[in-house]
Amino acid sequence: MLFMPWMSKVELYAAIRRDHRGGMSMRELERKHGVTWRTVRKALDSSWPEPRKKPPSRATGLDRYKPVR
């Protein structure tokens, strides 16, 4: 696997699309960029990655006292 310095998802998607236009197969793209076939497919289908999902808020130790005010 070729070592790629850290890059944003937008840059990764652009690199995958550029290499695909250059004639690389899906398997070659997976190996070169160190991603799965799902990521390659998403990059080829859409120019922008999906926004990150917001994690659910975690409970705190004070939650049980919040109703008492």
PDB file of N, CA and C in Angstrom:
ATOM      1  N   MET A   1       0.846  -1.178   0.000  1.00  0.00           N
ATOM      2  CA  MET A   1       0.000   0.000   0.000  1.00  0.00           C
ATOM      3  C   MET A   1       0.894   1.245   0.000  1.00  0.00           C
ATOM      4  N   LEU A   2       0.552   2.176  -0.819  1.00  0.00           N
ATOM      5  CA  LEU A   2       1.288   3.428  -0.909  1.00  0.00           C
ATOM      6  C   LEU A   2       0.921   4.307   0.272  1.00  0.00           C
ATOM      7  N   PHE A   3       1.907   4.868   0.957  1.00  0.00           N
ATOM      8  CA  PHE A   3       1.626   5.723   2.100  1.00  0.00           C
ATOM      9  C   PHE A   3       1.149   7.081   1.618  1.00  0.00           C
ATOM     10  N   MET A   4      -0.030   7.472   2.060  1.00  0.00           N
ATOM     11  CA  MET A   4      -0.589   8.777   1.709  1.00  0.00           C
ATOM     12  C   MET A   4      -0.638   9.620   2.982  1.00  0.00           C
ATOM     13  N   PRO A   5      -0.069  10.807   2.948  1.00  0.00           N
ATOM     14  CA  PRO A   5      -0.199  11.669   4.127  1.00  0.00           C
ATOM     15  C   PRO A   5      -1.667  11.971   4.373  1.00  0.00           C
ATOM     16  N   TRP A   6      -1.998  12.322   5.594  1.00  0.00           N
ATOM     17  CA  TRP A   6      -3.390  12.587   5.945  1.00  0.00           C
ATOM     18  C   TRP A   6      -3.973  13.658   5.043  1.00  0.00           C
ATOM     19  N   MET A   7      -5.187  13.413   4.569  1.00  0.00           N
ATOM     20  CA  MET A   7      -5.880  14.387   3.748  1.00  0.00           C
ATOM     21  C   MET A   7      -7.354  14.365   4.116  1.00  0.00           C
ATOM     22  N   SER A   8      -8.042  15.444   3.820  1.00  0.00           N
ATOM     23  CA  SER A   8      -9.464  15.498   4.130  1.00  0.00           C
ATOM     24  C   SER A   8     -10.222  14.564   3.196  1.00  0.00           C
ATOM     25  N   LYS A   9     -11.464  14.261   3.559  1.00  0.00           N
ATOM     26  CA  LYS A   9     -12.274  13.388   2.730  1.00  0.00           C
ATOM     27  C   LYS A   9     -12.545  14.014   1.365  1.00  0.00           C
ATOM     28  N   VAL A  10     -12.710  15.324   1.339  1.00  0.00           N
ATOM     29  CA  VAL A  10     -12.955  16.010   0.065  1.00  0.00           C
ATOM     30  C   VAL A  10     -11.749  15.821  -0.851  1.00  0.00           C
ATOM     31  N   GLU A  11     -10.553  15.975  -0.300  1.00  0.00           N
ATOM     32  CA  GLU A  11      -9.329  15.776  -1.093  1.00  0.00           C
ATOM     33  C   GLU A  11      -9.179  14.321  -1.521  1.00  0.00           C
ATOM     34  N   LEU A  12      -9.521  13.387  -0.630  1.00  0.00           N
ATOM     35  CA  LEU A  12      -9.452  11.967  -0.951  1.00  0.00           C
ATOM     36  C   LEU A  12     -10.411  11.636  -2.083  1.00  0.00           C
ATOM     37  N   TYR A  13     -11.651  12.107  -1.998  1.00  0.00           N
ATOM     38  CA  TYR A  13     -12.638  11.859  -3.049  1.00  0.00           C
ATOM     39  C   TYR A  13     -12.152  12.426  -4.378  1.00  0.00           C
ATOM     40  N   ALA A  14     -11.569  13.625  -4.360  1.00  0.00           N
ATOM     41  CA  ALA A  14     -11.067  14.240  -5.590  1.00  0.00           C
ATOM     42  C   ALA A  14      -9.926  13.406  -6.178  1.00  0.00           C
ATOM     43  N   ALA A  15      -9.029  12.912  -5.324  1.00  0.00           N
ATOM     44  CA  ALA A  15      -7.906  12.095  -5.797  1.00  0.00           C
ATOM     45  C   ALA A  15      -8.404  10.787  -6.398  1.00  0.00           C
ATOM     46  N   ILE A  16      -9.398  10.173  -5.763  1.00  0.00           N
ATOM     47  CA  ILE A  16      -9.958   8.922  -6.281  1.00  0.00           C
ATOM     48  C   ILE A  16     -10.596   9.165  -7.645  1.00  0.00           C
ATOM     49  N   ARG A  17     -11.369  10.229  -7.788  1.00  0.00           N
ATOM     50  CA  ARG A  17     -12.010  10.530  -9.076  1.00  0.00           C
ATOM     51  C   ARG A  17     -10.969  10.842 -10.154  1.00  0.00           C
ATOM     52  N   ARG A  18      -9.928  11.575  -9.783  1.00  0.00           N
ATOM     53  CA  ARG A  18      -8.866  11.917 -10.738  1.00  0.00           C
ATOM     54  C   ARG A  18      -8.168  10.638 -11.232  1.00  0.00           C
ATOM     55  N   ASP A  19      -7.825   9.743 -10.308  1.00  0.00           N
ATOM     56  CA  ASP A  19      -7.166   8.502 -10.700  1.00  0.00           C
ATOM     57  C   ASP A  19      -8.089   7.610 -11.532  1.00  0.00           C
ATOM     58  N   HIS A  20      -9.375   7.628 -11.218  1.00  0.00           N
ATOM     59  CA  HIS A  20     -10.335   6.832 -11.982  1.00  0.00           C
ATOM     60  C   HIS A  20     -10.438   7.346 -13.414  1.00  0.00           C
ATOM     61  N   ARG A  21     -10.445   8.675 -13.574  1.00  0.00           N
ATOM     62  CA  ARG A  21     -10.459   9.245 -14.932  1.00  0.00           C
ATOM     63  C   ARG A  21      -9.184   8.884 -15.686  1.00  0.00           C
ATOM     64  N   GLY A  22      -8.103   8.671 -14.944  1.00  0.00           N
ATOM     65  CA  GLY A  22      -6.840   8.272 -15.548  1.00  0.00           C
ATOM     66  C   GLY A  22      -6.793   6.811 -15.961  1.00  0.00           C
ATOM     67  N   GLY A  23      -7.845   6.063 -15.652  1.00  0.00           N
ATOM     68  CA  GLY A  23      -7.938   4.679 -16.108  1.00  0.00           C
ATOM     69  C   GLY A  23      -7.696   3.617 -15.055  1.00  0.00           C
ATOM     70  N   MET A  24      -7.569   3.994 -13.788  1.00  0.00           N
ATOM     71  CA  MET A  24      -7.339   2.989 -12.745  1.00  0.00           C
ATOM     72  C   MET A  24      -8.623   2.229 -12.455  1.00  0.00           C
ATOM     73  N   SER A  25      -8.471   0.936 -12.152  1.00  0.00           N
ATOM     74  CA  SER A  25      -9.620   0.118 -11.796  1.00  0.00           C
ATOM     75  C   SER A  25     -10.003   0.375 -10.333  1.00  0.00           C
ATOM     76  N   MET A  26     -11.167  -0.120  -9.962  1.00  0.00           N
ATOM     77  CA  MET A  26     -11.632   0.051  -8.574  1.00  0.00           C
ATOM     78  C   MET A  26     -10.645  -0.610  -7.599  1.00  0.00           C
ATOM     79  N   ARG A  27     -10.167  -1.783  -7.941  1.00  0.00           N
ATOM     80  CA  ARG A  27      -9.248  -2.490  -7.054  1.00  0.00           C
ATOM     81  C   ARG A  27      -7.935  -1.725  -6.899  1.00  0.00           C
ATOM     82  N   GLU A  28      -7.436  -1.161  -7.979  1.00  0.00           N
ATOM     83  CA  GLU A  28      -6.210  -0.351  -7.900  1.00  0.00           C
ATOM     84  C   GLU A  28      -6.431   0.887  -7.035  1.00  0.00           C
ATOM     85  N   LEU A  29      -7.613   1.501  -7.158  1.00  0.00           N
ATOM     86  CA  LEU A  29      -7.934   2.678  -6.344  1.00  0.00           C
ATOM     87  C   LEU A  29      -7.970   2.314  -4.869  1.00  0.00           C
ATOM     88  N   GLU A  30      -8.566   1.158  -4.547  1.00  0.00           N
ATOM     89  CA  GLU A  30      -8.620   0.697  -3.156  1.00  0.00           C
ATOM     90  C   GLU A  30      -7.217   0.569  -2.585  1.00  0.00           C
ATOM     91  N   ARG A  31      -6.342  -0.089  -3.338  1.00  0.00           N
ATOM     92  CA  ARG A  31      -4.976  -0.322  -2.850  1.00  0.00           C
ATOM     93  C   ARG A  31      -4.189   0.975  -2.717  1.00  0.00           C
ATOM     94  N   LYS A  32      -4.273   1.823  -3.739  1.00  0.00           N
ATOM     95  CA  LYS A  32      -3.479   3.052  -3.741  1.00  0.00           C
ATOM     96  C   LYS A  32      -3.864   3.974  -2.592  1.00  0.00           C
ATOM     97  N   HIS A  33      -5.166   4.117  -2.352  1.00  0.00           N
ATOM     98  CA  HIS A  33      -5.638   5.078  -1.359  1.00  0.00           C
ATOM     99  C   HIS A  33      -5.906   4.439   0.007  1.00  0.00           C
ATOM    100  N   GLY A  34      -5.793   3.121   0.096  1.00  0.00           N
ATOM    101  CA  GLY A  34      -5.957   2.437   1.374  1.00  0.00           C
ATOM    102  C   GLY A  34      -7.373   2.529   1.914  1.00  0.00           C
ATOM    103  N   VAL A  35      -8.370   2.393   1.030  1.00  0.00           N
ATOM    104  CA  VAL A  35      -9.772   2.479   1.427  1.00  0.00           C
ATOM    105  C   VAL A  35     -10.506   1.235   0.935  1.00  0.00           C
ATOM    106  N   THR A  36     -11.745   1.074   1.382  1.00  0.00           N
ATOM    107  CA  THR A  36     -12.552  -0.058   0.950  1.00  0.00           C
ATOM    108  C   THR A  36     -13.280   0.280  -0.339  1.00  0.00           C
ATOM    109  N   TRP A  37     -13.892  -0.745  -0.936  1.00  0.00           N
ATOM    110  CA  TRP A  37     -14.623  -0.541  -2.188  1.00  0.00           C
ATOM    111  C   TRP A  37     -15.827   0.377  -1.977  1.00  0.00           C
ATOM    112  N   ARG A  38     -16.385   0.375  -0.767  1.00  0.00           N
ATOM    113  CA  ARG A  38     -17.530   1.258  -0.496  1.00  0.00           C
ATOM    114  C   ARG A  38     -17.118   2.731  -0.587  1.00  0.00           C
ATOM    115  N   THR A  39     -15.947   3.049  -0.054  1.00  0.00           N
ATOM    116  CA  THR A  39     -15.452   4.420  -0.112  1.00  0.00           C
ATOM    117  C   THR A  39     -15.181   4.827  -1.548  1.00  0.00           C
ATOM    118  N   VAL A  40     -14.591   3.928  -2.329  1.00  0.00           N
ATOM    119  CA  VAL A  40     -14.332   4.229  -3.741  1.00  0.00           C
ATOM    120  C   VAL A  40     -15.651   4.479  -4.460  1.00  0.00           C
ATOM    121  N   ARG A  41     -16.641   3.638  -4.207  1.00  0.00           N
ATOM    122  CA  ARG A  41     -17.948   3.784  -4.859  1.00  0.00           C
ATOM    123  C   ARG A  41     -18.590   5.121  -4.470  1.00  0.00           C
ATOM    124  N   LYS A  42     -18.542   5.490  -3.184  1.00  0.00           N
ATOM    125  CA  LYS A  42     -19.113   6.760  -2.735  1.00  0.00           C
ATOM    126  C   LYS A  42     -18.408   7.936  -3.396  1.00  0.00           C
ATOM    127  N   ALA A  43     -17.078   7.838  -3.542  1.00  0.00           N
ATOM    128  CA  ALA A  43     -16.307   8.922  -4.162  1.00  0.00           C
ATOM    129  C   ALA A  43     -16.670   9.075  -5.633  1.00  0.00           C
ATOM    130  N   LEU A  44     -16.924   7.962  -6.317  1.00  0.00           N
ATOM    131  CA  LEU A  44     -17.265   8.034  -7.732  1.00  0.00           C
ATOM    132  C   LEU A  44     -18.710   8.472  -7.947  1.00  0.00           C
ATOM    133  N   ASP A  45     -19.579   8.186  -6.993  1.00  0.00           N
ATOM    134  CA  ASP A  45     -20.996   8.552  -7.127  1.00  0.00           C
ATOM    135  C   ASP A  45     -21.280   9.992  -6.732  1.00  0.00           C
ATOM    136  N   SER A  46     -20.504  10.550  -5.816  1.00  0.00           N
ATOM    137  CA  SER A  46     -20.797  11.884  -5.298  1.00  0.00           C
ATOM    138  C   SER A  46     -19.508  12.685  -5.167  1.00  0.00           C
ATOM    139  N   SER A  47     -19.580  13.971  -5.512  1.00  0.00           N
ATOM    140  CA  SER A  47     -18.374  14.792  -5.409  1.00  0.00           C
ATOM    141  C   SER A  47     -18.131  15.278  -3.978  1.00  0.00           C
ATOM    142  N   TRP A  48     -19.144  15.229  -3.118  1.00  0.00           N
ATOM    143  CA  TRP A  48     -18.987  15.662  -1.724  1.00  0.00           C
ATOM    144  C   TRP A  48     -19.288  14.501  -0.794  1.00  0.00           C
ATOM    145  N   PRO A  49     -18.441  14.279   0.205  1.00  0.00           N
ATOM    146  CA  PRO A  49     -18.723  13.216   1.174  1.00  0.00           C
ATOM    147  C   PRO A  49     -19.922  13.571   2.050  1.00  0.00           C
ATOM    148  N   GLU A  50     -20.517  12.539   2.623  1.00  0.00           N
ATOM    149  CA  GLU A  50     -21.643  12.756   3.535  1.00  0.00           C
ATOM    150  C   GLU A  50     -21.158  13.533   4.753  1.00  0.00           C
ATOM    151  N   PRO A  51     -22.003  14.427   5.294  1.00  0.00           N
ATOM    152  CA  PRO A  51     -21.588  15.128   6.520  1.00  0.00           C
ATOM    153  C   PRO A  51     -21.484  14.142   7.680  1.00  0.00           C
ATOM    154  N   ARG A  52     -20.641  14.480   8.634  1.00  0.00           N
ATOM    155  CA  ARG A  52     -20.482  13.614   9.799  1.00  0.00           C
ATOM    156  C   ARG A  52     -21.774  13.555  10.596  1.00  0.00           C
ATOM    157  N   LYS A  53     -22.028  12.390  11.147  1.00  0.00           N
ATOM    158  CA  LYS A  53     -23.202  12.226  11.996  1.00  0.00           C
ATOM    159  C   LYS A  53     -22.870  12.762  13.379  1.00  0.00           C
ATOM    160  N   LYS A  54     -23.798  13.492  13.965  1.00  0.00           N
ATOM    161  CA  LYS A  54     -23.582  14.040  15.300  1.00  0.00           C
ATOM    162  C   LYS A  54     -23.816  12.928  16.324  1.00  0.00           C
ATOM    163  N   PRO A  55     -22.848  12.678  17.205  1.00  0.00           N
ATOM    164  CA  PRO A  55     -23.030  11.615  18.187  1.00  0.00           C
ATOM    165  C   PRO A  55     -24.113  11.997  19.202  1.00  0.00           C
ATOM    166  N   PRO A  56     -24.828  11.005  19.720  1.00  0.00           N
ATOM    167  CA  PRO A  56     -25.842  11.316  20.727  1.00  0.00           C
ATOM    168  C   PRO A  56     -25.192  11.872  21.987  1.00  0.00           C
ATOM    169  N   SER A  57     -25.895  12.770  22.649  1.00  0.00           N
ATOM    170  CA  SER A  57     -25.326  13.355  23.862  1.00  0.00           C
ATOM    171  C   SER A  57     -25.277  12.302  24.971  1.00  0.00           C
ATOM    172  N   ARG A  58     -24.223  12.379  25.754  1.00  0.00           N
ATOM    173  CA  ARG A  58     -24.047  11.415  26.834  1.00  0.00           C
ATOM    174  C   ARG A  58     -24.656  11.966  28.115  1.00  0.00           C
ATOM    175  N   ALA A  59     -25.069  11.072  28.959  1.00  0.00           N
ATOM    176  CA  ALA A  59     -25.617  11.461  30.253  1.00  0.00           C
ATOM    177  C   ALA A  59     -24.488  11.931  31.166  1.00  0.00           C
ATOM    178  N   THR A  60     -24.793  12.880  32.015  1.00  0.00           N
ATOM    179  CA  THR A  60     -23.808  13.353  32.981  1.00  0.00           C
ATOM    180  C   THR A  60     -24.205  12.900  34.379  1.00  0.00           C
ATOM    181  N   GLY A  61     -23.323  13.084  35.313  1.00  0.00           N
ATOM    182  CA  GLY A  61     -23.615  12.710  36.696  1.00  0.00           C
ATOM    183  C   GLY A  61     -24.667  13.598  37.336  1.00  0.00           C
ATOM    184  N   LEU A  62     -24.890  14.784  36.783  1.00  0.00           N
ATOM    185  CA  LEU A  62     -25.857  15.708  37.350  1.00  0.00           C
ATOM    186  C   LEU A  62     -27.260  15.557  36.772  1.00  0.00           C
ATOM    187  N   ASP A  63     -27.430  14.702  35.771  1.00  0.00           N
ATOM    188  CA  ASP A  63     -28.739  14.561  35.123  1.00  0.00           C
ATOM    189  C   ASP A  63     -29.854  14.175  36.102  1.00  0.00           C
ATOM    190  N   ARG A  64     -29.542  13.367  37.088  1.00  0.00           N
ATOM    191  CA  ARG A  64     -30.617  12.945  38.010  1.00  0.00           C
ATOM    192  C   ARG A  64     -31.070  14.091  38.914  1.00  0.00           C
ATOM    193  N   TYR A  65     -30.274  15.163  39.038  1.00  0.00           N
ATOM    194  CA  TYR A  65     -30.652  16.301  39.882  1.00  0.00           C
ATOM    195  C   TYR A  65     -31.281  17.451  39.077  1.00  0.00           C
ATOM    196  N   LYS A  66     -31.271  17.381  37.774  1.00  0.00           N
ATOM    197  CA  LYS A  66     -31.796  18.461  36.939  1.00  0.00           C
ATOM    198  C   LYS A  66     -33.276  18.751  37.180  1.00  0.00           C
ATOM    199  N   PRO A  67     -34.124  17.741  37.340  1.00  0.00           N
ATOM    200  CA  PRO A  67     -35.541  18.056  37.565  1.00  0.00           C
ATOM    201  C   PRO A  67     -35.787  18.786  38.888  1.00  0.00           C
ATOM    202  N   VAL A  68     -34.895  18.648  39.855  1.00  0.00           N
ATOM    203  CA  VAL A  68     -35.061  19.298  41.165  1.00  0.00           C
ATOM    204  C   VAL A  68     -34.436  20.684  41.076  1.00  0.00           C
ATOM    205  N   ARG A  69     -35.309  21.682  41.062  1.00  0.00           N
ATOM    206  CA  ARG A  69     -34.811  23.049  41.001  1.00  0.00           C
ATOM    207  C   ARG A  69     -35.577  23.937  41.896  1.00  0.00           C
TER     208      ARG A  69
END
